[in-house]
PDB file of N, CA and C in Angstrom:
ATOM      1  N   MET A   1     -74.123 105.073  21.910  1.00  0.00           N
ATOM      2  CA  MET A   1     -73.156 104.535  22.100  1.00  0.00           C
ATOM      3  C   MET A   1     -73.149 104.285  23.729  1.00  0.00           C
ATOM      4  N   ILE A   2     -73.468 103.066  24.434  1.00  0.00           N
ATOM      5  CA  ILE A   2     -73.578 102.977  25.926  1.00  0.00           C
ATOM      6  C   ILE A   2     -71.827 102.352  26.454  1.00  0.00           C
ATOM      7  N   THR A   3     -71.668 103.062  27.680  1.00  0.00           N
ATOM      8  CA  THR A   3     -70.435 102.655  28.442  1.00  0.00           C
ATOM      9  C   THR A   3     -70.904 101.579  29.349  1.00  0.00           C
ATOM     10  N   LEU A   4     -70.455 100.522  29.270  1.00  0.00           N
ATOM     11  CA  LEU A   4     -70.809  99.324  30.425  1.00  0.00           C
ATOM     12  C   LEU A   4     -70.237  99.469  31.735  1.00  0.00           C
ATOM     13  N   LYS A   5     -70.780  99.401  32.959  1.00  0.00           N
ATOM     14  CA  LYS A   5     -70.034 100.006  34.061  1.00  0.00           C
ATOM     15  C   LYS A   5     -69.023  98.546  34.288  1.00  0.00           C
ATOM     16  N   ASN A   6     -67.760  99.324  35.098  1.00  0.00           N
ATOM     17  CA  ASN A   6     -66.988  98.086  35.343  1.00  0.00           C
ATOM     18  C   ASN A   6     -66.377  97.580  34.404  1.00  0.00           C
ATOM     19  N   GLN A   7     -66.536  97.801  33.185  1.00  0.00           N
ATOM     20  CA  GLN A   7     -66.014  97.244  31.840  1.00  0.00           C
ATOM     21  C   GLN A   7     -65.212  98.268  31.018  1.00  0.00           C
ATOM     22  N   THR A   8     -64.371  97.761  30.176  1.00  0.00           N
ATOM     23  CA  THR A   8     -63.888  98.556  29.015  1.00  0.00           C
ATOM     24  C   THR A   8     -64.506  97.708  27.737  1.00  0.00           C
ATOM     25  N   ILE A   9     -66.093  97.843  27.816  1.00  0.00           N
ATOM     26  CA  ILE A   9     -66.527  97.398  26.412  1.00  0.00           C
ATOM     27  C   ILE A   9     -67.855  98.490  26.232  1.00  0.00           C
ATOM     28  N   TYR A  10     -67.765  99.138  25.075  1.00  0.00           N
ATOM     29  CA  TYR A  10     -68.813  99.601  24.514  1.00  0.00           C
ATOM     30  C   TYR A  10     -69.692  99.126  23.864  1.00  0.00           C
ATOM     31  N   GLN A  11     -71.079  99.387  23.954  1.00  0.00           N
ATOM     32  CA  GLN A  11     -72.143  98.847  23.311  1.00  0.00           C
ATOM     33  C   GLN A  11     -72.732  99.711  22.144  1.00  0.00           C
ATOM     34  N   CYS A  12     -73.024  99.005  21.158  1.00  0.00           N
ATOM     35  CA  CYS A  12     -74.046 100.108  20.002  1.00  0.00           C
ATOM     36  C   CYS A  12     -75.393 100.161  20.715  1.00  0.00           C
ATOM     37  N   GLU A  13     -75.673 101.294  20.421  1.00  0.00           N
ATOM     38  CA  GLU A  13     -77.248 101.713  20.911  1.00  0.00           C
ATOM     39  C   GLU A  13     -78.321 101.189  20.157  1.00  0.00           C
ATOM     40  N   TYR A  14     -78.007 100.834  18.838  1.00  0.00           N
ATOM     41  CA  TYR A  14     -79.080 100.340  17.977  1.00  0.00           C
ATOM     42  C   TYR A  14     -79.193  98.962  17.890  1.00  0.00           C
ATOM     43  N   CYS A  15     -78.150  98.218  17.763  1.00  0.00           N
ATOM     44  CA  CYS A  15     -78.234  96.772  17.740  1.00  0.00           C
ATOM     45  C   CYS A  15     -77.833  95.629  18.710  1.00  0.00           C
ATOM     46  N   GLY A  16     -77.108  96.736  19.728  1.00  0.00           N
ATOM     47  CA  GLY A  16     -76.452  95.965  20.927  1.00  0.00           C
ATOM     48  C   GLY A  16     -75.227  95.234  20.700  1.00  0.00           C
ATOM     49  N   LYS A  17     -74.440  95.221  19.610  1.00  0.00           N
ATOM     50  CA  LYS A  17     -73.076  94.891  19.463  1.00  0.00           C
ATOM     51  C   LYS A  17     -72.233  95.394  20.521  1.00  0.00           C
ATOM     52  N   ARG A  18     -71.484  94.642  20.702  1.00  0.00           N
ATOM     53  CA  ARG A  18     -70.302  95.122  22.042  1.00  0.00           C
ATOM     54  C   ARG A  18     -68.865  95.192  21.066  1.00  0.00           C
ATOM     55  N   LEU A  19     -68.260  96.302  21.492  1.00  0.00           N
ATOM     56  CA  LEU A  19     -67.082  96.430  20.683  1.00  0.00           C
ATOM     57  C   LEU A  19     -65.986  96.730  21.954  1.00  0.00           C
ATOM     58  N   LEU A  20     -64.893  96.686  21.672  1.00  0.00           N
ATOM     59  CA  LEU A  20     -63.685  96.859  22.328  1.00  0.00           C
ATOM     60  C   LEU A  20     -63.209  98.366  22.556  1.00  0.00           C
ATOM     61  N   SER A  21     -63.416  99.027  21.555  1.00  0.00           N
ATOM     62  CA  SER A  21     -62.659 100.153  21.766  1.00  0.00           C
ATOM     63  C   SER A  21     -63.755 101.295  21.585  1.00  0.00           C
ATOM     64  N   LYS A  22     -63.725 102.535  21.945  1.00  0.00           N
ATOM     65  CA  LYS A  22     -64.754 103.646  21.681  1.00  0.00           C
ATOM     66  C   LYS A  22     -64.544 104.277  20.469  1.00  0.00           C
ATOM     67  N   ASN A  23     -63.564 104.257  19.622  1.00  0.00           N
ATOM     68  CA  ASN A  23     -63.649 104.580  18.339  1.00  0.00           C
ATOM     69  C   ASN A  23     -64.340 103.463  17.379  1.00  0.00           C
ATOM     70  N   GLY A  24     -64.025 102.344  17.638  1.00  0.00           N
ATOM     71  CA  GLY A  24     -64.473 101.308  16.911  1.00  0.00           C
ATOM     72  C   GLY A  24     -66.159 101.091  16.941  1.00  0.00           C
ATOM     73  N   ALA A  25     -66.607 101.604  18.449  1.00  0.00           N
ATOM     74  CA  ALA A  25     -67.903 101.489  18.301  1.00  0.00           C
ATOM     75  C   ALA A  25     -68.637 102.760  17.764  1.00  0.00           C
ATOM     76  N   LYS A  26     -68.146 103.924  17.575  1.00  0.00           N
ATOM     77  CA  LYS A  26     -68.419 105.058  16.962  1.00  0.00           C
ATOM     78  C   LYS A  26     -68.188 104.716  15.457  1.00  0.00           C
ATOM     79  N   ILE A  27     -67.278 104.099  14.935  1.00  0.00           N
ATOM     80  CA  ILE A  27     -67.218 103.886  13.537  1.00  0.00           C
ATOM     81  C   ILE A  27     -68.557 102.840  13.175  1.00  0.00           C
ATOM     82  N   HIS A  28     -68.816 101.598  14.026  1.00  0.00           N
ATOM     83  CA  HIS A  28     -69.459 100.673  13.679  1.00  0.00           C
ATOM     84  C   HIS A  28     -70.901 101.599  13.464  1.00  0.00           C
ATOM     85  N   GLU A  29     -71.253 102.543  14.605  1.00  0.00           N
ATOM     86  CA  GLU A  29     -72.682 103.100  14.651  1.00  0.00           C
ATOM     87  C   GLU A  29     -72.908 104.244  13.484  1.00  0.00           C
ATOM     88  N   LEU A  30     -71.844 104.661  12.950  1.00  0.00           N
ATOM     89  CA  LEU A  30     -71.634 105.435  11.660  1.00  0.00           C
ATOM     90  C   LEU A  30     -71.597 105.124  10.185  1.00  0.00           C
ATOM     91  N   GLU A  31     -71.138 103.780  10.336  1.00  0.00           N
ATOM     92  CA  GLU A  31     -70.970 103.191   8.921  1.00  0.00           C
ATOM     93  C   GLU A  31     -71.415 101.744   8.513  1.00  0.00           C
ATOM     94  N   TYR A  32     -71.512 100.824   9.948  1.00  0.00           N
ATOM     95  CA  TYR A  32     -71.561  99.661   9.516  1.00  0.00           C
ATOM     96  C   TYR A  32     -73.050  98.979  10.002  1.00  0.00           C
ATOM     97  N   CYS A  33     -73.361  99.728  11.086  1.00  0.00           N
ATOM     98  CA  CYS A  33     -74.948  99.197  11.870  1.00  0.00           C
ATOM     99  C   CYS A  33     -75.948  99.351  11.102  1.00  0.00           C
ATOM    100  N   LYS A  34     -76.428  98.159  10.324  1.00  0.00           N
ATOM    101  CA  LYS A  34     -77.985  98.102   9.898  1.00  0.00           C
ATOM    102  C   LYS A  34     -79.125  98.757  10.512  1.00  0.00           C
ATOM    103  N   GLU A  35     -78.806  98.662  12.006  1.00  0.00           N
ATOM    104  CA  GLU A  35     -80.069  99.499  12.473  1.00  0.00           C
ATOM    105  C   GLU A  35     -80.032 101.040  12.730  1.00  0.00           C
ATOM    106  N   SER A  36     -79.064 101.406  12.492  1.00  0.00           N
ATOM    107  CA  SER A  36     -78.376 102.928  12.692  1.00  0.00           C
ATOM    108  C   SER A  36     -79.436 103.648  11.675  1.00  0.00           C
ATOM    109  N   PRO A  37     -79.805 104.781  12.070  1.00  0.00           N
ATOM    110  CA  PRO A  37     -80.722 105.797  11.132  1.00  0.00           C
ATOM    111  C   PRO A  37     -79.875 106.385  10.195  1.00  0.00           C
ATOM    112  N   ILE A  38     -78.399 106.693  10.706  1.00  0.00           N
ATOM    113  CA  ILE A  38     -77.223 107.204  10.080  1.00  0.00           C
ATOM    114  C   ILE A  38     -76.927 106.354   8.787  1.00  0.00           C
ATOM    115  N   VAL A  39     -76.834 105.016   8.729  1.00  0.00           N
ATOM    116  CA  VAL A  39     -76.450 103.981   7.947  1.00  0.00           C
ATOM    117  C   VAL A  39     -77.683 104.038   7.166  1.00  0.00           C
ATOM    118  N   LYS A  40     -78.948 103.891   7.612  1.00  0.00           N
ATOM    119  CA  LYS A  40     -80.359 103.683   6.521  1.00  0.00           C
ATOM    120  C   LYS A  40     -80.156 105.065   5.899  1.00  0.00           C
ATOM    121  N   LYS A  41     -80.002 106.206   6.543  1.00  0.00           N
ATOM    122  CA  LYS A  41     -80.239 107.334   5.382  1.00  0.00           C
ATOM    123  C   LYS A  41     -79.299 107.237   4.331  1.00  0.00           C
ATOM    124  N   LYS A  42     -77.911 106.989   4.704  1.00  0.00           N
ATOM    125  CA  LYS A  42     -77.044 106.656   3.515  1.00  0.00           C
ATOM    126  C   LYS A  42     -77.505 105.671   2.436  1.00  0.00           C
ATOM    127  N   ARG A  43     -77.761 104.407   2.768  1.00  0.00           N
ATOM    128  CA  ARG A  43     -78.284 103.667   1.929  1.00  0.00           C
ATOM    129  C   ARG A  43     -79.364 103.983   0.889  1.00  0.00           C
ATOM    130  N   ILE A  44     -80.480 104.603   1.644  1.00  0.00           N
ATOM    131  CA  ILE A  44     -81.817 105.161   0.923  1.00  0.00           C
ATOM    132  C   ILE A  44     -81.060 106.233  -0.220  1.00  0.00           C
ATOM    133  N   GLU A  45     -80.367 106.980   0.051  1.00  0.00           N
ATOM    134  CA  GLU A  45     -79.833 107.813  -0.799  1.00  0.00           C
ATOM    135  C   GLU A  45     -78.930 107.506  -1.978  1.00  0.00           C
ATOM    136  N   GLU A  46     -78.321 106.412  -1.620  1.00  0.00           N
ATOM    137  CA  GLU A  46     -77.560 105.661  -2.460  1.00  0.00           C
ATOM    138  C   GLU A  46     -78.492 104.784  -3.288  1.00  0.00           C
ATOM    139  N   ILE A  47     -79.294 104.259  -2.981  1.00  0.00           N
ATOM    140  CA  ILE A  47     -80.467 103.401  -3.983  1.00  0.00           C
ATOM    141  C   ILE A  47     -81.427 104.505  -4.706  1.00  0.00           C
ATOM    142  N   SER A  48     -81.481 105.556  -4.209  1.00  0.00           N
ATOM    143  CA  SER A  48     -82.313 106.601  -5.096  1.00  0.00           C
ATOM    144  C   SER A  48     -81.208 107.312  -6.127  1.00  0.00           C
ATOM    145  N   ASN A  49     -80.570 107.422  -5.791  1.00  0.00           N
ATOM    146  CA  ASN A  49     -79.518 108.184  -6.787  1.00  0.00           C
ATOM    147  C   ASN A  49     -78.759 107.123  -7.864  1.00  0.00           C
ATOM    148  N   CYS A  50     -78.867 106.074  -7.728  1.00  0.00           N
ATOM    149  CA  CYS A  50     -78.399 105.183  -8.507  1.00  0.00           C
ATOM    150  C   CYS A  50     -79.411 104.763  -9.971  1.00  0.00           C
ATOM    151  N   LYS A  51     -78.523 104.544 -10.900  1.00  0.00           N
ATOM    152  CA  LYS A  51     -79.216 104.444 -12.323  1.00  0.00           C
ATOM    153  C   LYS A  51     -78.999 102.825 -12.324  1.00  0.00           C
ATOM    154  N   HIS A  52     -79.862 102.304 -11.766  1.00  0.00           N
ATOM    155  CA  HIS A  52     -79.976 100.541 -11.790  1.00  0.00           C
ATOM    156  C   HIS A  52     -79.352 100.187 -12.952  1.00  0.00           C
ATOM    157  N   ASP A  53     -78.671  99.153 -12.978  1.00  0.00           N
ATOM    158  CA  ASP A  53     -77.887  98.213 -13.796  1.00  0.00           C
ATOM    159  C   ASP A  53     -78.428  96.623 -13.514  1.00  0.00           C
ATOM    160  N   TRP A  54     -79.983  96.144 -13.805  1.00  0.00           N
ATOM    161  CA  TRP A  54     -80.451  94.988 -13.595  1.00  0.00           C
ATOM    162  C   TRP A  54     -79.614  93.799 -13.745  1.00  0.00           C
ATOM    163  N   GLU A  55     -79.430  92.663 -12.952  1.00  0.00           N
ATOM    164  CA  GLU A  55     -78.698  91.537 -13.204  1.00  0.00           C
ATOM    165  C   GLU A  55     -79.618  90.223 -12.583  1.00  0.00           C
ATOM    166  N   THR A  56     -79.352  89.001 -13.127  1.00  0.00           N
ATOM    167  CA  THR A  56     -80.356  88.094 -12.776  1.00  0.00           C
ATOM    168  C   THR A  56     -79.608  87.122 -11.722  1.00  0.00           C
ATOM    169  N   HIS A  57     -79.696  86.584 -10.612  1.00  0.00           N
ATOM    170  CA  HIS A  57     -79.116  85.652  -9.724  1.00  0.00           C
ATOM    171  C   HIS A  57     -79.548  84.255 -10.115  1.00  0.00           C
ATOM    172  N   TRP A  58     -79.177  83.380 -10.556  1.00  0.00           N
ATOM    173  CA  TRP A  58     -79.106  82.069 -10.994  1.00  0.00           C
ATOM    174  C   TRP A  58     -78.908  80.982  -9.740  1.00  0.00           C
ATOM    175  N   THR A  59     -79.991  80.323  -9.564  1.00  0.00           N
ATOM    176  CA  THR A  59     -79.726  79.078  -8.530  1.00  0.00           C
ATOM    177  C   THR A  59     -79.848  77.779  -9.006  1.00  0.00           C
ATOM    178  N   PRO A  60     -79.131  76.665  -8.332  1.00  0.00           N
ATOM    179  CA  PRO A  60     -79.280  75.532  -9.298  1.00  0.00           C
ATOM    180  C   PRO A  60     -80.632  75.013  -9.030  1.00  0.00           C
ATOM    181  N   ILE A  61     -81.297  74.038  -9.404  1.00  0.00           N
ATOM    182  CA  ILE A  61     -82.611  73.404  -9.505  1.00  0.00           C
ATOM    183  C   ILE A  61     -82.274  71.904  -8.356  1.00  0.00           C
ATOM    184  N   VAL A  62     -82.914  72.080  -7.255  1.00  0.00           N
ATOM    185  CA  VAL A  62     -82.920  70.785  -6.459  1.00  0.00           C
ATOM    186  C   VAL A  62     -83.042  69.729  -7.302  1.00  0.00           C
ATOM    187  N   GLY A  63     -82.042  68.651  -6.957  1.00  0.00           N
ATOM    188  CA  GLY A  63     -81.920  67.343  -7.603  1.00  0.00           C
ATOM    189  C   GLY A  63     -81.169  67.387  -9.057  1.00  0.00           C
ATOM    190  N   GLU A  64     -81.179  68.403  -9.592  1.00  0.00           N
ATOM    191  CA  GLU A  64     -80.437  68.696 -11.006  1.00  0.00           C
ATOM    192  C   GLU A  64     -79.481  69.885 -10.912  1.00  0.00           C
ATOM    193  N   GLU A  65     -78.580  69.590  -9.952  1.00  0.00           N
ATOM    194  CA  GLU A  65     -77.375  70.721  -9.946  1.00  0.00           C
ATOM    195  C   GLU A  65     -76.715  71.346 -10.976  1.00  0.00           C
ATOM    196  N   TRP A  66     -76.818  70.717 -12.138  1.00  0.00           N
ATOM    197  CA  TRP A  66     -76.145  71.112 -13.175  1.00  0.00           C
ATOM    198  C   TRP A  66     -77.005  71.849 -14.314  1.00  0.00           C
ATOM    199  N   ARG A  67     -78.347  72.077 -13.774  1.00  0.00           N
ATOM    200  CA  ARG A  67     -79.128  73.216 -14.201  1.00  0.00           C
ATOM    201  C   ARG A  67     -79.704  74.141 -13.654  1.00  0.00           C
ATOM    202  N   TYR A  68     -79.862  75.404 -14.036  1.00  0.00           N
ATOM    203  CA  TYR A  68     -80.066  76.447 -13.015  1.00  0.00           C
ATOM    204  C   TYR A  68     -80.918  77.210 -13.596  1.00  0.00           C
ATOM    205  N   GLU A  69     -81.967  77.991 -12.700  1.00  0.00           N
ATOM    206  CA  GLU A  69     -83.161  78.664 -13.054  1.00  0.00           C
ATOM    207  C   GLU A  69     -82.811  80.059 -12.284  1.00  0.00           C
ATOM    208  N   PRO A  70     -83.723  80.998 -12.726  1.00  0.00           N
ATOM    209  CA  PRO A  70     -83.336  82.530 -12.431  1.00  0.00           C
ATOM    210  C   PRO A  70     -84.312  82.436 -10.744  1.00  0.00           C
ATOM    211  N   ASP A  71     -83.830  83.249 -10.195  1.00  0.00           N
ATOM    212  CA  ASP A  71     -83.970  83.287  -8.487  1.00  0.00           C
ATOM    213  C   ASP A  71     -84.503  84.684  -8.348  1.00  0.00           C
ATOM    214  N   HIS A  72     -83.780  85.541  -8.512  1.00  0.00           N
ATOM    215  CA  HIS A  72     -84.240  86.995  -8.254  1.00  0.00           C
ATOM    216  C   HIS A  72     -83.106  87.913  -8.930  1.00  0.00           C
ATOM    217  N   SER A  73     -83.702  89.189  -9.186  1.00  0.00           N
ATOM    218  CA  SER A  73     -82.764  90.399  -9.827  1.00  0.00           C
ATOM    219  C   SER A  73     -82.158  91.376  -8.902  1.00  0.00           C
ATOM    220  N   TYR A  74     -81.272  91.752  -9.349  1.00  0.00           N
ATOM    221  CA  TYR A  74     -80.456  92.620  -8.256  1.00  0.00           C
ATOM    222  C   TYR A  74     -79.732  93.737  -9.231  1.00  0.00           C
ATOM    223  N   CYS A  75     -79.418  94.862  -8.639  1.00  0.00           N
ATOM    224  CA  CYS A  75     -78.688  95.751  -9.322  1.00  0.00           C
ATOM    225  C   CYS A  75     -77.333  95.546  -9.013  1.00  0.00           C
ATOM    226  N   GLY A  76     -76.505  95.332 -10.196  1.00  0.00           N
ATOM    227  CA  GLY A  76     -75.062  95.289 -10.311  1.00  0.00           C
ATOM    228  C   GLY A  76     -74.358  96.487  -9.449  1.00  0.00           C
ATOM    229  N   ILE A  77     -74.850  97.543  -9.478  1.00  0.00           N
ATOM    230  CA  ILE A  77     -74.059  98.904  -8.766  1.00  0.00           C
ATOM    231  C   ILE A  77     -74.357  98.884  -7.578  1.00  0.00           C
ATOM    232  N   CYS A  78     -75.462  98.919  -6.948  1.00  0.00           N
ATOM    233  CA  CYS A  78     -75.815  99.378  -5.545  1.00  0.00           C
ATOM    234  C   CYS A  78     -76.276  98.089  -4.673  1.00  0.00           C
ATOM    235  N   GLY A  79     -76.482  96.962  -5.467  1.00  0.00           N
ATOM    236  CA  GLY A  79     -76.952  95.589  -4.815  1.00  0.00           C
ATOM    237  C   GLY A  79     -78.448  95.720  -4.145  1.00  0.00           C
ATOM    238  N   VAL A  80     -79.237  96.638  -4.633  1.00  0.00           N
ATOM    239  CA  VAL A  80     -80.861  96.509  -4.063  1.00  0.00           C
ATOM    240  C   VAL A  80     -81.242  95.485  -5.228  1.00  0.00           C
ATOM    241  N   THR A  81     -82.179  94.501  -4.213  1.00  0.00           N
ATOM    242  CA  THR A  81     -83.057  93.629  -4.979  1.00  0.00           C
ATOM    243  C   THR A  81     -84.654  94.624  -5.549  1.00  0.00           C
ATOM    244  N   GLU A  82     -85.243  93.570  -6.359  1.00  0.00           N
ATOM    245  CA  GLU A  82     -86.477  94.393  -6.651  1.00  0.00           C
ATOM    246  C   GLU A  82     -87.392  94.543  -5.661  1.00  0.00           C
ATOM    247  N   MET A  83     -87.454  93.681  -4.535  1.00  0.00           N
ATOM    248  CA  MET A  83     -88.285  93.343  -3.487  1.00  0.00           C
ATOM    249  C   MET A  83     -87.883  94.633  -2.406  1.00  0.00           C
ATOM    250  N   GLU A  84     -86.429  94.844  -2.080  1.00  0.00           N
ATOM    251  CA  GLU A  84     -86.159  96.110  -1.824  1.00  0.00           C
ATOM    252  C   GLU A  84     -86.815  97.471  -2.116  1.00  0.00           C
ATOM    253  N   LEU A  85     -86.440  97.407  -3.508  1.00  0.00           N
ATOM    254  CA  LEU A  85     -87.184  98.731  -3.953  1.00  0.00           C
ATOM    255  C   LEU A  85     -88.263  99.001  -4.048  1.00  0.00           C
ATOM    256  N   GLU A  86     -89.210  98.165  -4.351  1.00  0.00           N
ATOM    257  CA  GLU A  86     -90.645  98.107  -4.165  1.00  0.00           C
ATOM    258  C   GLU A  86     -91.239  98.360  -2.536  1.00  0.00           C
ATOM    259  N   GLN A  87     -90.368  97.690  -1.497  1.00  0.00           N
ATOM    260  CA  GLN A  87     -90.673  98.039   0.062  1.00  0.00           C
ATOM    261  C   GLN A  87     -90.222  99.531  -0.123  1.00  0.00           C
ATOM    262  N   MET A  88     -89.374 100.013  -0.575  1.00  0.00           N
ATOM    263  CA  MET A  88     -89.008 101.332  -0.367  1.00  0.00           C
ATOM    264  C   MET A  88     -89.959 102.393  -1.005  1.00  0.00           C
ATOM    265  N   GLU A  89     -90.434 102.050  -2.032  1.00  0.00           N
ATOM    266  CA  GLU A  89     -91.265 102.873  -2.919  1.00  0.00           C
ATOM    267  C   GLU A  89     -93.067 102.926  -2.043  1.00  0.00           C
ATOM    268  N   GLU A  90     -93.069 101.733  -1.388  1.00  0.00           N
ATOM    269  CA  GLU A  90     -94.551 101.712  -0.630  1.00  0.00           C
ATOM    270  C   GLU A  90     -94.394 102.511   0.535  1.00  0.00           C
ATOM    271  N   SER A  91     -93.348 102.580   1.226  1.00  0.00           N
ATOM    272  CA  SER A  91     -93.147 103.275   2.336  1.00  0.00           C
ATOM    273  C   SER A  91     -93.245 104.621   2.447  1.00  0.00           C
ATOM    274  N   LYS A  92     -92.817 105.022   1.201  1.00  0.00           N
ATOM    275  CA  LYS A  92     -92.625 106.598   0.929  1.00  0.00           C
ATOM    276  C   LYS A  92     -94.121 107.259   0.732  1.00  0.00           C
TER     277      LYS A  92
END
């Protein structure tokens, strides 16, 4: 967390978002900032401990909005997509 000079604004070290309170900035860094290593580690643990229940997301076909086609699959429990899961496995 960086305190900007002559201002009462706090800035996230990871994403640069500016927040008004010190407590809000700390909570942002620990729970919400997608660039924070703490949040990334929590997300990886959540995904690896999940028993995935796959669901299909459907999108309308262009020009025929009453008809739908499958777009991608995602876990209904943790929200991870198949592509994110493959990227995580490749990085290990």
